[in-house]
N, C-alpha and C. Protein backbone atom coordinates (compact mmCIF):
# COMPACT_ATOMS: atom_id res chain seq x y z
N MET A 1 101.56 82.08 125.03
CA MET A 1 100.51 82.01 124.17
C MET A 1 100.40 82.05 122.63
N PHE A 2 99.46 81.56 122.13
CA PHE A 2 99.14 81.34 121.10
C PHE A 2 98.90 83.43 120.17
N GLU A 3 99.13 83.36 119.25
CA GLU A 3 98.95 84.68 118.53
C GLU A 3 97.70 84.18 117.74
N HIS A 4 96.38 84.99 118.01
CA HIS A 4 95.10 84.66 117.04
C HIS A 4 95.39 85.00 115.64
N GLY A 5 96.50 85.93 114.94
CA GLY A 5 96.52 86.34 113.66
C GLY A 5 96.94 84.96 112.81
N ARG A 6 97.47 84.06 113.58
CA ARG A 6 98.05 82.86 112.78
C ARG A 6 96.91 81.85 112.90
N TRP A 7 96.13 81.50 113.88
CA TRP A 7 94.91 80.69 113.75
C TRP A 7 94.05 81.01 112.20
N ARG A 8 93.82 81.91 112.37
CA ARG A 8 92.95 82.63 111.13
C ARG A 8 93.20 81.83 109.98
N PRO A 9 94.29 81.97 109.29
CA PRO A 9 94.53 81.60 108.12
C PRO A 9 94.54 80.02 107.99
N CYS A 10 94.83 79.36 109.54
CA CYS A 10 94.58 77.93 109.00
C CYS A 10 93.06 77.59 109.65
N THR A 11 92.30 78.33 110.25
CA THR A 11 90.92 78.09 110.28
C THR A 11 90.50 77.69 108.82
N ALA A 12 90.60 79.12 107.90
CA ALA A 12 89.89 79.49 106.77
C ALA A 12 90.61 78.31 105.70
N LEU A 13 91.63 77.41 105.76
CA LEU A 13 92.37 76.62 105.02
C LEU A 13 91.88 75.39 105.41
N LEU A 14 91.35 75.12 106.77
CA LEU A 14 90.64 73.72 107.38
C LEU A 14 89.49 73.84 106.67
N LEU A 15 88.49 75.11 106.59
CA LEU A 15 87.15 75.21 106.18
C LEU A 15 87.27 75.21 104.93
N ALA A 16 88.25 75.49 104.08
CA ALA A 16 88.17 75.47 102.48
C ALA A 16 88.08 74.13 101.97
N ALA A 17 88.87 73.17 102.88
CA ALA A 17 89.10 72.32 102.67
C ALA A 17 87.99 71.02 102.76
N LEU A 18 87.34 71.07 103.88
CA LEU A 18 86.26 70.34 104.32
C LEU A 18 84.92 70.68 103.33
N ALA A 19 84.90 72.07 102.53
CA ALA A 19 83.97 72.34 101.87
C ALA A 19 84.03 71.72 100.54
N ALA A 20 85.38 71.39 100.17
CA ALA A 20 85.85 70.88 98.91
C ALA A 20 85.31 69.45 99.01
N VAL A 21 85.63 68.94 99.94
CA VAL A 21 85.24 67.11 100.13
C VAL A 21 84.03 66.79 100.13
N ALA A 22 83.19 67.83 100.67
CA ALA A 22 81.68 67.50 101.35
C ALA A 22 80.91 67.13 100.33
N PRO A 23 80.27 65.78 100.56
CA PRO A 23 79.45 65.59 99.45
C PRO A 23 78.44 66.19 98.82
N LEU A 24 77.93 66.35 97.84
CA LEU A 24 76.89 66.90 97.25
C LEU A 24 75.65 65.77 97.18
N PRO A 25 74.45 66.41 97.40
CA PRO A 25 73.44 65.48 97.29
C PRO A 25 73.07 65.06 96.30
N VAL A 26 72.66 64.02 95.88
CA VAL A 26 72.72 63.14 94.57
C VAL A 26 70.88 62.80 94.43
N GLN A 27 70.50 63.29 93.44
CA GLN A 27 68.89 63.48 93.21
C GLN A 27 68.81 62.10 92.18
N ALA A 28 67.83 61.25 92.22
CA ALA A 28 67.71 60.07 91.67
C ALA A 28 66.41 60.21 90.46
N ALA A 29 66.83 59.71 89.45
CA ALA A 29 65.35 60.27 88.49
C ALA A 29 64.11 59.67 89.13
N THR A 30 62.96 60.40 88.85
CA THR A 30 61.89 60.21 89.74
C THR A 30 61.38 58.51 89.37
N GLU A 31 61.96 57.83 88.38
CA GLU A 31 61.22 56.87 88.11
C GLU A 31 62.61 55.64 88.64
N GLN A 32 63.48 55.91 89.20
CA GLN A 32 64.37 54.95 89.54
C GLN A 32 64.16 55.02 91.25
N TRP A 33 64.60 53.66 91.24
CA TRP A 33 65.10 53.04 92.85
C TRP A 33 65.74 52.25 92.80
N THR A 34 66.94 53.21 93.07
CA THR A 34 68.35 52.38 92.76
C THR A 34 69.22 51.93 93.95
N THR A 35 68.85 52.29 95.30
CA THR A 35 69.12 51.80 96.25
C THR A 35 68.17 51.82 97.42
N TYR A 36 68.67 51.40 98.61
CA TYR A 36 67.79 51.22 100.06
C TYR A 36 67.53 53.13 100.32
N GLY A 37 66.13 53.13 100.60
CA GLY A 37 65.77 54.34 100.47
C GLY A 37 65.27 55.29 99.31
N ARG A 38 65.64 54.85 98.15
CA ARG A 38 65.38 55.34 96.95
C ARG A 38 66.38 55.88 96.40
N ASP A 39 66.84 56.80 97.19
CA ASP A 39 68.36 57.45 96.73
C ASP A 39 69.35 57.74 97.77
N TYR A 40 71.00 58.20 97.53
CA TYR A 40 71.61 58.15 98.49
C TYR A 40 70.91 58.98 99.51
N THR A 41 70.28 60.04 99.45
CA THR A 41 70.09 60.77 100.73
C THR A 41 68.82 60.12 101.45
N GLU A 42 68.32 58.83 101.23
CA GLU A 42 67.46 58.02 102.05
C GLU A 42 66.21 58.85 101.99
N GLN A 43 65.54 59.64 100.81
CA GLN A 43 64.26 59.88 100.92
C GLN A 43 63.11 59.00 101.31
N ARG A 44 63.10 57.78 100.77
CA ARG A 44 62.23 56.66 101.06
C ARG A 44 60.75 57.44 100.42
N HIS A 45 60.75 58.12 99.39
CA HIS A 45 59.39 59.14 98.94
C HIS A 45 59.49 58.31 97.56
N SER A 46 58.38 57.92 97.09
CA SER A 46 57.97 57.91 95.76
C SER A 46 57.35 59.22 95.00
N PRO A 47 57.91 60.10 93.65
CA PRO A 47 57.15 60.68 93.25
C PRO A 47 56.20 60.15 92.55
N LEU A 48 55.87 59.11 92.25
CA LEU A 48 55.23 58.36 91.19
C LEU A 48 53.70 58.84 92.32
N GLN A 49 52.49 58.78 91.03
CA GLN A 49 50.96 58.81 90.95
C GLN A 49 50.24 57.76 90.81
N GLN A 50 50.75 56.77 90.50
CA GLN A 50 49.83 55.30 89.94
C GLN A 50 49.01 54.36 91.36
N ILE A 51 50.02 54.75 92.48
CA ILE A 51 49.22 54.29 93.59
C ILE A 51 48.56 55.43 94.55
N ASN A 52 47.66 55.69 94.79
CA ASN A 52 47.16 56.61 95.81
C ASN A 52 45.86 56.11 96.76
N ARG A 53 45.22 56.92 97.51
CA ARG A 53 44.12 56.60 98.49
C ARG A 53 43.26 55.54 97.79
N ALA A 54 42.80 55.97 96.51
CA ALA A 54 41.59 55.51 95.92
C ALA A 54 42.14 54.08 95.62
N ASN A 55 43.14 53.60 94.84
CA ASN A 55 43.47 52.30 94.71
C ASN A 55 44.33 51.63 95.79
N VAL A 56 44.92 52.11 96.42
CA VAL A 56 45.84 51.11 97.50
C VAL A 56 45.23 50.30 98.09
N THR A 57 43.83 49.85 98.52
CA THR A 57 43.51 48.91 98.68
C THR A 57 43.25 47.59 97.70
N ALA A 58 43.53 47.55 96.58
CA ALA A 58 43.86 46.81 95.38
C ALA A 58 45.26 46.17 95.04
N LEU A 59 45.90 46.93 95.75
CA LEU A 59 47.06 45.83 95.97
C LEU A 59 47.29 44.80 96.47
N SER A 60 48.05 43.77 95.72
CA SER A 60 47.93 42.55 96.55
C SER A 60 49.88 41.93 96.04
N LEU A 61 50.06 41.00 96.53
CA LEU A 61 51.32 40.27 97.09
C LEU A 61 51.33 39.84 95.08
N ASP A 62 52.66 40.09 94.70
CA ASP A 62 52.96 39.64 93.12
C ASP A 62 53.74 38.34 93.35
N TRP A 63 54.63 38.12 94.35
CA TRP A 63 55.61 37.16 94.43
C TRP A 63 56.28 37.17 95.49
N ALA A 64 56.54 35.73 96.28
CA ALA A 64 57.35 35.72 97.28
C ALA A 64 58.47 34.67 97.28
N PHE A 65 59.22 34.94 98.39
CA PHE A 65 60.40 33.84 98.16
C PHE A 65 60.46 33.11 99.79
N GLU A 66 60.70 31.94 99.56
CA GLU A 66 60.74 31.59 101.04
C GLU A 66 62.25 31.20 101.54
N VAL A 67 62.58 32.14 102.54
CA VAL A 67 64.13 31.76 102.93
C VAL A 67 64.29 30.44 103.93
N PRO A 68 65.28 29.39 103.27
CA PRO A 68 64.93 28.47 104.43
C PRO A 68 65.38 29.06 105.73
N ASP A 69 65.18 27.91 106.46
CA ASP A 69 65.49 28.13 108.12
C ASP A 69 66.61 28.57 108.19
N GLY A 70 66.93 29.14 108.87
CA GLY A 70 68.36 29.66 109.77
C GLY A 70 69.07 30.61 108.83
N VAL A 71 68.64 31.03 107.45
CA VAL A 71 69.10 32.00 106.77
C VAL A 71 68.98 33.35 106.77
N ALA A 72 69.63 34.00 106.96
CA ALA A 72 68.89 35.22 107.35
C ALA A 72 69.16 36.43 105.49
N LEU A 73 68.26 36.85 104.98
CA LEU A 73 68.74 37.57 103.97
C LEU A 73 67.88 39.33 103.93
N ASN A 74 68.57 39.87 103.56
CA ASN A 74 68.36 41.16 103.39
C ASN A 74 67.99 42.11 102.17
N SER A 75 67.32 42.34 101.75
CA SER A 75 67.47 43.41 100.40
C SER A 75 66.75 43.99 99.87
N THR A 76 66.71 44.98 99.33
CA THR A 76 65.60 46.24 98.52
C THR A 76 65.60 45.88 97.43
N PRO A 77 63.93 45.66 96.86
CA PRO A 77 63.61 46.41 95.60
C PRO A 77 64.12 47.04 94.66
N LEU A 78 64.81 46.73 93.70
CA LEU A 78 65.43 47.89 92.90
C LEU A 78 64.51 48.14 91.52
N MET A 79 65.01 49.12 90.87
CA MET A 79 63.87 49.61 89.51
C MET A 79 65.15 50.72 88.82
N VAL A 80 65.53 49.87 87.68
CA VAL A 80 66.45 50.64 87.19
C VAL A 80 66.13 50.35 85.91
N ASN A 81 66.11 51.47 84.87
CA ASN A 81 65.65 51.75 83.46
C ASN A 81 64.59 50.82 83.18
N GLY A 82 63.35 50.94 84.24
CA GLY A 82 61.79 50.01 83.89
C GLY A 82 62.13 49.05 84.30
N THR A 83 63.24 48.11 84.77
CA THR A 83 63.14 46.83 84.88
C THR A 83 63.51 46.52 86.73
């Protein structure tokens, strides 16, 4: 049989190691959309107020790119430093 007293320090050491390497949530700046889902926590929510229920119907397509037949292309629009 194992002694319970020997497992406690091992468990504490394991939990401390896991806590040390656990990633911290990264918050993107409010005007930045740097990755798919807006930030590394996949918020997919923009806190900007320029588009709302009153003006959403005025939105229109600004540009489009036709992908040749048989070509798969996946991407997401990015905005970094206002561009």
